[in-house]
Amino acid sequence: TTGTLLDLSSTGSTAGTQMLLTASALTTGIAESIVTNALTTGTGVGVTSSSTGLTIAAVNTGSLLDITESGAMTGMTGSLASISATGANTVGSTGNALNINVAGAAQIMKALNVTSASTGALVNGIVRLNFTGAHTGNGLQLDDATATGNAAALNANSLTSGNGLAIASTGTTLTGNLLSATSASTSAATNGL
């Protein structure tokens, strides 16, 4: 069947909270649950906007989705947001757990922006990619069509005794390379590869 089970419409409100769910005593439960076990080409949650006024991107300002934790997280071991695909995935699964698409040839916005003010002794990095399967192919791949720009840039302007890039391996049977650079260029290189 098709149609709308519940339709809430507000055409005059320009500010305030249009729908509010408060569960301030909830500890181990779920504040809101959506179950869509028969989905194929549909969408579990859809947020759409044709607004041209999203000009100020900040916390609680100008965002289609905002997740804010303002409490003291001294013992946090969980996640503010979690995407988990725990089903019986096979080699036929070629989709994405997260897909970010920034369309428009003249677009200069960031597709992903990660910031951290940490001054602590980081154990596993501020951003960590952890691939635990003994796969073949590439664990991380960057495809860039730029002709005169940089495919990747590292800026470490405050370094003293640290490293701009550190590559380490504890493997004892390595026959490959920790770093391999190749080029098919037949032009005269200015400063080498």
Protein backbone atom coordinates (compact mmCIF):
# COMPACT_ATOMS: atom_id res chain seq x y z
CA THR A 1 0.00 0.00 0.00
CA THR A 2 0.97 3.64 -0.39
CA GLY A 3 0.02 6.85 1.32
CA THR A 4 0.88 8.68 4.53
CA LEU A 5 0.21 7.20 7.95
CA LEU A 6 0.98 10.42 9.81
CA ASP A 7 1.28 13.88 8.26
CA LEU A 8 2.39 16.88 10.33
CA SER A 9 2.49 20.19 8.48
CA SER A 10 3.54 23.67 9.54
CA THR A 11 3.60 26.39 6.90
CA GLY A 12 3.72 29.50 9.09
CA SER A 13 6.42 28.77 11.68
CA THR A 14 9.81 30.37 11.01
CA ALA A 15 11.59 29.56 14.29
CA GLY A 16 11.34 27.32 17.32
CA THR A 17 11.18 23.52 17.61
CA GLN A 18 8.50 21.97 15.41
CA MET A 19 8.63 18.48 16.91
CA LEU A 20 10.18 17.64 20.29
CA LEU A 21 10.75 14.29 21.99
CA THR A 22 12.07 14.54 25.55
CA ALA A 23 13.28 11.46 27.43
CA SER A 24 15.56 13.03 30.03
CA ALA A 25 15.49 10.02 32.39
CA LEU A 26 16.29 7.42 29.73
CA THR A 27 19.48 5.43 30.42
CA THR A 28 19.55 2.04 28.63
CA GLY A 29 16.48 2.31 26.42
CA ILE A 30 15.89 3.77 22.95
CA ALA A 31 14.38 7.24 22.60
CA GLU A 32 13.17 6.60 19.06
CA SER A 33 13.20 3.43 16.98
CA ILE A 34 12.42 2.97 13.30
CA VAL A 35 12.13 -0.58 11.96
CA THR A 36 12.05 -1.05 8.17
CA ASN A 37 12.80 -4.72 7.58
CA ALA A 38 11.34 -4.87 4.06
CA LEU A 39 13.32 -1.97 2.53
CA THR A 40 14.70 -2.41 -1.00
CA THR A 41 14.98 0.91 -2.85
CA GLY A 42 13.26 2.97 -0.18
CA THR A 43 14.69 5.14 2.60
CA GLY A 44 14.55 4.58 6.34
CA VAL A 45 14.84 8.28 7.18
CA GLY A 46 14.75 11.05 4.59
CA VAL A 47 15.75 14.67 5.18
CA THR A 48 15.24 16.90 2.15
CA SER A 49 15.66 20.63 1.67
CA SER A 50 15.56 23.05 -1.26
CA SER A 51 16.75 25.95 0.90
CA THR A 52 19.29 28.40 -0.50
CA GLY A 53 19.86 30.04 2.89
CA LEU A 54 22.16 27.49 4.55
CA THR A 55 25.00 30.00 4.76
CA ILE A 56 26.10 29.68 8.39
CA ALA A 57 27.32 26.18 9.27
CA ALA A 58 27.85 25.81 13.02
CA VAL A 59 26.52 23.85 15.97
CA ASN A 60 22.70 23.96 15.88
CA THR A 61 22.87 26.49 13.02
CA GLY A 62 22.32 25.82 9.35
CA SER A 63 22.50 22.01 9.35
CA LEU A 64 20.21 19.35 7.93
CA LEU A 65 21.43 16.98 10.66
CA ASP A 66 22.93 17.98 13.98
CA ILE A 67 24.22 15.68 16.74
CA THR A 68 25.44 17.54 19.84
CA GLU A 69 26.81 16.11 23.10
CA SER A 70 27.43 18.84 25.69
CA GLY A 71 27.98 16.70 28.79
CA ALA A 72 31.33 15.77 30.32
CA MET A 73 32.59 12.69 28.46
CA THR A 74 35.46 11.75 30.79
CA GLY A 75 34.75 8.02 30.56
CA MET A 76 33.21 7.77 27.10
CA THR A 77 34.03 4.58 25.18
CA GLY A 78 31.06 4.57 22.79
CA SER A 79 30.17 6.58 19.70
CA LEU A 80 28.11 9.71 19.15
CA ALA A 81 27.01 8.19 15.85
CA SER A 82 27.33 4.57 14.75
CA ILE A 83 26.85 2.81 11.41
CA SER A 84 26.95 -0.96 11.77
CA ALA A 85 26.50 -3.56 9.02
CA THR A 86 26.58 -6.89 10.84
CA GLY A 87 24.55 -9.02 8.44
CA ALA A 88 25.87 -11.94 6.39
CA ASN A 89 27.68 -9.73 3.89
CA THR A 90 29.21 -11.48 0.86
CA VAL A 91 31.39 -10.52 -2.09
CA GLY A 92 28.21 -9.38 -3.84
CA SER A 93 27.89 -6.41 -1.50
CA THR A 94 29.56 -3.50 -3.31
CA GLY A 95 27.65 -0.58 -1.80
CA ASN A 96 28.74 1.95 0.80
CA ALA A 97 28.28 2.18 4.56
CA LEU A 98 28.48 5.96 4.09
CA ASN A 99 28.19 7.82 0.79
CA ILE A 100 29.04 11.54 0.49
CA ASN A 101 28.41 13.15 -2.89
CA VAL A 102 29.20 16.83 -3.47
CA ALA A 103 27.94 17.60 -6.97
CA GLY A 104 28.71 20.67 -9.06
CA ALA A 105 31.88 21.41 -11.00
CA ALA A 106 32.30 24.83 -9.38
CA GLN A 107 31.79 23.49 -5.84
CA ILE A 108 34.61 24.28 -3.38
CA MET A 109 32.99 23.08 -0.14
CA LYS A 110 34.58 20.26 1.86
CA ALA A 111 33.00 16.81 1.51
CA LEU A 112 34.34 15.88 4.96
CA ASN A 113 35.78 18.10 7.68
CA VAL A 114 37.28 16.65 10.87
CA THR A 115 38.62 18.94 13.60
CA SER A 116 40.05 18.15 17.03
CA ALA A 117 41.55 20.37 19.75
CA SER A 118 43.18 17.46 21.61
CA THR A 119 46.57 18.01 23.24
CA GLY A 120 46.63 14.52 24.77
CA ALA A 121 48.91 11.57 24.07
CA LEU A 122 46.95 9.95 21.28
CA VAL A 123 47.18 6.15 21.11
CA ASN A 124 45.44 5.37 17.82
CA GLY A 125 45.30 8.77 16.15
CA ILE A 126 42.58 11.38 15.87
CA VAL A 127 41.33 9.64 12.73
CA ARG A 128 41.80 5.87 12.62
CA LEU A 129 41.15 3.41 9.81
CA ASN A 130 41.27 -0.13 11.17
CA PHE A 131 40.98 -2.93 8.58
CA THR A 132 41.10 -6.30 10.37
CA GLY A 133 40.54 -8.61 7.37
CA ALA A 134 43.43 -10.08 5.35
CA HIS A 135 42.09 -8.63 2.10
CA THR A 136 43.70 -8.22 -1.29
CA GLY A 137 43.58 -4.99 -3.27
CA ASN A 138 43.86 -1.55 -1.68
CA GLY A 139 43.01 -0.79 1.93
CA LEU A 140 42.87 2.93 1.15
CA GLN A 141 42.54 4.39 -2.34
CA LEU A 142 42.56 8.01 -3.49
CA ASP A 143 41.57 8.76 -7.10
CA ASP A 144 42.09 12.40 -8.07
CA ALA A 145 41.57 13.96 -11.51
CA THR A 146 43.52 17.15 -10.74
CA ALA A 147 46.13 18.20 -13.31
CA THR A 148 47.98 21.02 -11.54
CA GLY A 149 46.92 20.60 -7.91
CA ASN A 150 47.95 18.09 -5.25
CA ALA A 151 46.29 14.70 -4.83
CA ALA A 152 47.30 14.73 -1.14
CA ALA A 153 48.99 17.33 1.05
CA LEU A 154 50.44 17.08 4.58
CA ASN A 155 50.96 20.34 6.47
CA ALA A 156 52.91 19.91 9.73
CA ASN A 157 54.15 23.44 10.31
CA SER A 158 54.76 23.07 14.07
CA LEU A 159 56.98 19.97 13.91
CA THR A 160 60.15 19.90 16.01
CA SER A 161 61.27 16.33 16.76
CA GLY A 162 58.25 14.56 15.31
CA ASN A 163 57.63 13.14 11.85
CA GLY A 164 55.59 14.48 8.96
CA LEU A 165 54.86 10.91 7.86
CA ALA A 166 55.73 7.72 9.74
CA ILE A 167 55.41 4.26 8.18
CA ALA A 168 56.10 1.27 10.46
CA SER A 169 55.69 -2.50 10.22
CA THR A 170 56.18 -5.31 12.73
CA GLY A 171 56.06 -7.98 10.03
CA THR A 172 59.06 -10.31 9.81
CA THR A 173 58.30 -11.88 6.40
CA LEU A 174 57.89 -8.73 4.30
CA THR A 175 58.98 -9.16 0.68
CA GLY A 176 57.19 -6.06 -0.67
CA ASN A 177 57.72 -2.38 0.08
CA LEU A 178 56.57 -0.12 2.89
CA LEU A 179 56.60 2.70 0.36
CA SER A 180 56.46 2.32 -3.42
CA ALA A 181 56.34 5.24 -5.87
CA THR A 182 56.06 4.67 -9.63
CA SER A 183 55.43 6.96 -12.57
CA ALA A 184 54.79 6.36 -16.29
CA SER A 185 55.74 9.93 -17.21
CA THR A 186 58.09 10.43 -20.19
CA SER A 187 58.47 14.17 -19.51
CA ALA A 188 61.53 15.76 -17.91
CA ALA A 189 60.90 15.77 -14.16
CA THR A 190 61.79 19.06 -12.42
CA ASN A 191 62.53 17.68 -8.96
CA GLY A 192 62.41 13.93 -9.50
CA LEU A 193 59.35 11.79 -8.87
